[in-house]
Protein backbone atom coordinates (compact mmCIF):
# COMPACT_ATOMS: atom_id res chain seq x y z
CA UNK A 1 -18.10 12.25 8.75
CA UNK A 2 -18.41 12.10 4.95
CA UNK A 3 -18.80 9.08 3.11
CA UNK A 4 -14.92 10.15 1.32
CA UNK A 5 -12.79 10.25 4.76
CA UNK A 6 -14.88 6.77 5.60
CA UNK A 7 -13.42 5.26 2.71
CA UNK A 8 -9.75 6.59 3.25
CA UNK A 9 -10.28 5.13 7.06
CA UNK A 10 -10.90 2.12 5.58
CA UNK A 11 -8.10 2.24 3.28
CA UNK A 12 -5.97 3.54 5.61
CA UNK A 13 -6.34 0.31 7.96
CA UNK A 14 -4.39 -1.70 5.28
CA UNK A 15 -1.31 0.24 6.10
CA UNK A 16 -0.03 0.16 2.46
CA UNK A 17 0.23 3.43 1.37
CA UNK A 18 2.58 6.33 1.13
CA UNK A 19 -0.32 9.16 0.18
CA UNK A 20 -3.50 9.54 0.66
CA UNK A 21 -5.28 12.06 -1.99
CA UNK A 22 -8.81 13.25 -1.60
CA UNK A 23 -10.61 15.91 -3.08
CA UNK A 24 -13.77 18.35 -2.29
CA UNK A 25 -15.51 21.77 -4.04
CA UNK A 26 -15.96 24.30 -2.04
CA UNK A 27 -18.93 26.57 -4.22
CA UNK A 28 -18.10 25.89 -6.94
CA UNK A 29 -13.62 25.40 -6.90
CA UNK A 30 -12.53 22.35 -6.59
CA UNK A 31 -9.88 21.15 -4.01
CA UNK A 32 -7.21 18.49 -4.00
CA UNK A 33 -5.67 17.74 -0.48
CA UNK A 34 -2.55 15.37 0.05
CA UNK A 35 -1.24 13.89 3.52
CA UNK A 36 2.37 12.24 2.64
CA UNK A 37 4.28 9.26 4.42
CA UNK A 38 7.55 9.80 3.03
CA UNK A 39 9.17 6.83 5.01
CA UNK A 40 6.65 4.51 3.70
CA UNK A 41 5.27 3.76 7.42
CA UNK A 42 2.16 5.16 8.65
CA UNK A 43 3.92 5.79 12.07
CA UNK A 44 6.70 7.28 10.46
CA UNK A 45 7.15 11.14 8.94
CA UNK A 46 3.68 13.27 7.59
CA UNK A 47 3.54 15.92 5.58
CA UNK A 48 0.11 17.91 4.24
CA UNK A 49 -0.47 19.86 1.14
CA UNK A 50 -3.68 21.50 -0.63
CA UNK A 51 -4.49 22.60 -3.76
CA UNK A 52 -7.07 24.38 -5.79
CA UNK A 53 -7.82 24.78 -9.68
CA UNK A 54 -5.30 22.10 -11.07
CA UNK A 55 -2.86 24.16 -8.84
CA UNK A 56 0.41 22.61 -7.81
CA UNK A 57 0.26 21.48 -3.98
CA UNK A 58 1.06 24.09 -1.73
CA UNK A 59 3.89 23.97 0.58
CA UNK A 60 4.62 20.36 2.18
CA UNK A 61 3.75 21.17 6.02
CA UNK A 62 4.43 19.01 8.39
CA UNK A 63 1.38 16.86 9.74
CA UNK A 64 0.72 15.23 12.72
CA UNK A 65 4.49 15.92 14.74
CA UNK A 66 2.79 15.53 18.24
CA UNK A 67 1.25 12.56 17.37
CA UNK A 68 2.94 9.18 18.51
CA UNK A 69 0.17 6.56 18.36
CA UNK A 70 -1.48 7.59 15.03
CA UNK A 71 -4.51 5.30 14.37
CA UNK A 72 -6.98 6.28 10.79
CA UNK A 73 -9.13 7.95 13.25
CA UNK A 74 -6.68 10.60 14.39
CA UNK A 75 -5.46 11.27 10.65
CA UNK A 76 -8.94 11.54 9.28
CA UNK A 77 -9.66 14.04 12.77
CA UNK A 78 -6.59 15.61 11.77
CA UNK A 79 -7.75 16.47 8.04
CA UNK A 80 -10.71 17.46 9.29
CA UNK A 81 -9.04 19.78 11.31
CA UNK A 82 -6.44 21.17 8.78
CA UNK A 83 -9.40 21.92 6.22
CA UNK A 84 -12.02 23.70 8.78
CA UNK A 85 -8.68 25.66 10.54
CA UNK A 86 -7.54 26.89 6.41
CA UNK A 87 -11.64 28.01 6.00
CA UNK A 88 -12.00 25.18 2.96
CA UNK A 89 -14.68 23.25 5.03
CA UNK A 90 -17.69 24.84 6.24
């Protein structure tokens, strides 16, 4: 697991956030992703968006809708899965 995602996982354990933001570079293009917790609760509703080169985020999509018990490890797993599915990670 990349160091930056380990940091996010540790931060999640505090469960005091409403949004997770991360970034990475593919080729020469910088990308940013966001995981939203609109209810302000880790176990509540969740959304995901991704953007590149200073553009506004993509449409906020539902994220982890079938997961009832949410752990920091699951959030990191689903972020990685989403980025691989969009072919943003090798």
